[in-house]
C-alpha atoms as a PDB file:
ATOM      1  CA  MET A   1    -199.074 -47.760  19.722  1.00  0.00           C
ATOM      2  CA  GLN A   2    -202.179 -46.636  17.930  1.00  0.00           C
ATOM      3  CA  THR A   3    -202.845 -44.385  14.894  1.00  0.00           C
ATOM      4  CA  ILE A   4    -206.300 -42.772  14.588  1.00  0.00           C
ATOM      5  CA  ARG A   5    -207.587 -40.246  12.069  1.00  0.00           C
ATOM      6  CA  VAL A   6    -210.581 -38.115  13.020  1.00  0.00           C
ATOM      7  CA  VAL A   7    -212.875 -35.786  11.088  1.00  0.00           C
ATOM      8  CA  VAL A   8    -214.602 -33.226  13.297  1.00  0.00           C
ATOM      9  CA  SER A   9    -217.623 -31.252  12.143  1.00  0.00           C
ATOM     10  CA  GLY A  10    -219.655 -28.402  13.592  1.00  0.00           C
ATOM     11  CA  ARG A  11    -218.323 -24.930  14.225  1.00  0.00           C
ATOM     12  CA  VAL A  12    -214.680 -25.991  14.077  1.00  0.00           C
ATOM     13  CA  GLN A  13    -213.058 -23.614  11.596  1.00  0.00           C
ATOM     14  CA  GLY A  14    -212.269 -20.000  12.488  1.00  0.00           C
ATOM     15  CA  VAL A  15    -212.250 -20.774  16.207  1.00  0.00           C
ATOM     16  CA  GLY A  16    -208.606 -21.784  16.755  1.00  0.00           C
ATOM     17  CA  PHE A  17    -209.285 -25.516  16.539  1.00  0.00           C
ATOM     18  CA  ARG A  18    -206.079 -26.368  14.693  1.00  0.00           C
ATOM     19  CA  ALA A  19    -203.729 -24.438  16.986  1.00  0.00           C
ATOM     20  CA  TRP A  20    -205.568 -25.792  20.048  1.00  0.00           C
ATOM     21  CA  THR A  21    -205.224 -29.362  18.654  1.00  0.00           C
ATOM     22  CA  GLU A  22    -201.528 -28.881  17.986  1.00  0.00           C
ATOM     23  CA  ARG A  23    -200.926 -27.670  21.566  1.00  0.00           C
ATOM     24  CA  ARG A  24    -202.885 -30.512  23.139  1.00  0.00           C
ATOM     25  CA  ALA A  25    -201.230 -33.164  20.953  1.00  0.00           C
ATOM     26  CA  ARG A  26    -197.762 -31.844  21.791  1.00  0.00           C
ATOM     27  CA  GLU A  27    -198.623 -31.817  25.504  1.00  0.00           C
ATOM     28  CA  LEU A  28    -199.496 -35.548  25.151  1.00  0.00           C
ATOM     29  CA  ASN A  29    -196.343 -36.220  23.083  1.00  0.00           C
ATOM     30  CA  LEU A  30    -198.382 -37.483  20.154  1.00  0.00           C
ATOM     31  CA  SER A  31    -197.230 -37.504  16.541  1.00  0.00           C
ATOM     32  CA  GLY A  32    -199.507 -36.478  13.681  1.00  0.00           C
ATOM     33  CA  TRP A  33    -201.108 -33.503  12.028  1.00  0.00           C
ATOM     34  CA  VAL A  34    -204.248 -31.372  11.787  1.00  0.00           C
ATOM     35  CA  ARG A  35    -205.782 -29.474   8.839  1.00  0.00           C
ATOM     36  CA  ASN A  36    -208.946 -27.730   7.703  1.00  0.00           C
ATOM     37  CA  LEU A  37    -210.932 -29.378   4.921  1.00  0.00           C
ATOM     38  CA  GLY A  38    -212.854 -27.504   2.226  1.00  0.00           C
ATOM     39  CA  ASP A  39    -216.215 -28.716   3.509  1.00  0.00           C
ATOM     40  CA  GLY A  40    -215.798 -26.867   6.843  1.00  0.00           C
ATOM     41  CA  THR A  41    -214.555 -29.865   8.841  1.00  0.00           C
ATOM     42  CA  VAL A  42    -211.218 -30.390  10.577  1.00  0.00           C
ATOM     43  CA  GLU A  43    -209.201 -33.573   9.993  1.00  0.00           C
ATOM     44  CA  ALA A  44    -206.455 -34.795  12.291  1.00  0.00           C
ATOM     45  CA  MET A  45    -204.270 -37.839  12.765  1.00  0.00           C
ATOM     46  CA  PHE A  46    -202.880 -38.889  16.130  1.00  0.00           C
ATOM     47  CA  HIS A  47    -200.238 -41.531  16.833  1.00  0.00           C
ATOM     48  CA  GLY A  48    -198.964 -42.688  20.192  1.00  0.00           C
ATOM     49  CA  PRO A  49    -199.892 -44.901  23.140  1.00  0.00           C
ATOM     50  CA  ALA A  50    -203.563 -45.914  22.914  1.00  0.00           C
ATOM     51  CA  HIS A  51    -204.535 -44.242  26.204  1.00  0.00           C
ATOM     52  CA  LYS A  52    -202.978 -40.925  25.105  1.00  0.00           C
ATOM     53  CA  VAL A  53    -204.645 -41.104  21.694  1.00  0.00           C
ATOM     54  CA  ASP A  54    -207.994 -41.795  23.412  1.00  0.00           C
ATOM     55  CA  GLU A  55    -207.403 -38.819  25.748  1.00  0.00           C
ATOM     56  CA  MET A  56    -206.735 -36.581  22.723  1.00  0.00           C
ATOM     57  CA  ILE A  57    -209.905 -37.752  20.993  1.00  0.00           C
ATOM     58  CA  GLY A  58    -211.819 -36.949  24.172  1.00  0.00           C
ATOM     59  CA  HIS A  59    -210.400 -33.418  24.018  1.00  0.00           C
ATOM     60  CA  CYS A  60    -211.447 -33.138  20.361  1.00  0.00           C
ATOM     61  CA  ARG A  61    -215.041 -34.145  21.184  1.00  0.00           C
ATOM     62  CA  ARG A  62    -215.243 -30.950  23.309  1.00  0.00           C
ATOM     63  CA  GLY A  63    -212.869 -28.698  21.305  1.00  0.00           C
ATOM     64  CA  PRO A  64    -211.617 -25.252  22.316  1.00  0.00           C
ATOM     65  CA  ALA A  65    -213.845 -22.673  24.009  1.00  0.00           C
ATOM     66  CA  HIS A  66    -215.451 -21.116  20.905  1.00  0.00           C
ATOM     67  CA  ALA A  67    -215.918 -24.376  18.982  1.00  0.00           C
ATOM     68  CA  ARG A  68    -219.105 -26.388  18.792  1.00  0.00           C
ATOM     69  CA  VAL A  69    -218.357 -30.008  17.945  1.00  0.00           C
ATOM     70  CA  GLU A  70    -221.361 -31.791  16.481  1.00  0.00           C
ATOM     71  CA  VAL A  71    -219.853 -35.004  15.087  1.00  0.00           C
ATOM     72  CA  LEU A  72    -216.481 -36.716  15.483  1.00  0.00           C
ATOM     73  CA  GLU A  73    -215.778 -39.579  13.060  1.00  0.00           C
ATOM     74  CA  ARG A  74    -212.940 -41.935  14.042  1.00  0.00           C
ATOM     75  CA  PHE A  75    -210.924 -44.087  11.640  1.00  0.00           C
ATOM     76  CA  GLU A  76    -208.182 -46.597  12.491  1.00  0.00           C
ATOM     77  CA  GLU A  77    -205.093 -46.190  10.350  1.00  0.00           C
ATOM     78  CA  THR A  78    -202.281 -48.649   9.677  1.00  0.00           C
ATOM     79  CA  GLU A  79    -199.516 -46.220   8.696  1.00  0.00           C
ATOM     80  CA  ALA A  80    -198.035 -43.975  11.370  1.00  0.00           C
ATOM     81  CA  PRO A  81    -197.334 -40.287  10.584  1.00  0.00           C
ATOM     82  CA  ALA A  82    -193.824 -38.822  10.763  1.00  0.00           C
ATOM     83  CA  PRO A  83    -192.559 -37.898  14.259  1.00  0.00           C
ATOM     84  CA  GLY A  84    -193.748 -34.587  15.662  1.00  0.00           C
ATOM     85  CA  PHE A  85    -197.065 -32.807  15.312  1.00  0.00           C
ATOM     86  CA  LEU A  86    -197.835 -30.097  12.829  1.00  0.00           C
ATOM     87  CA  ILE A  87    -200.579 -28.029  11.244  1.00  0.00           C
ATOM     88  CA  ARG A  88    -200.914 -28.954   7.580  1.00  0.00           C
ATOM     89  CA  PRO A  89    -202.252 -26.731   4.829  1.00  0.00           C
ATOM     90  CA  GLY A  90    -205.957 -27.120   4.164  1.00  0.00           C
ATOM     91  CA  ALA A  91    -207.227 -29.578   1.620  1.00  0.00           C
END
């Protein structure tokens, strides 16, 4: 099992990125969360089998149809999120 936090920048707010991320993560049976940050980026945490987490990160590098992902930063985490996947309030 692997837990990865990502911060995605570009045109990623106001384009359905959080809802799209939630759907994709649930399809892959990942736990975690996604939220908008005040600087215009989107932050997400994914927990599950390494190959599924890697697949989700690959999806995030492309994003939904109207997004334009410029940078995806990836951080390994040691603490797993609660079960399930949710959209958190912005920070």
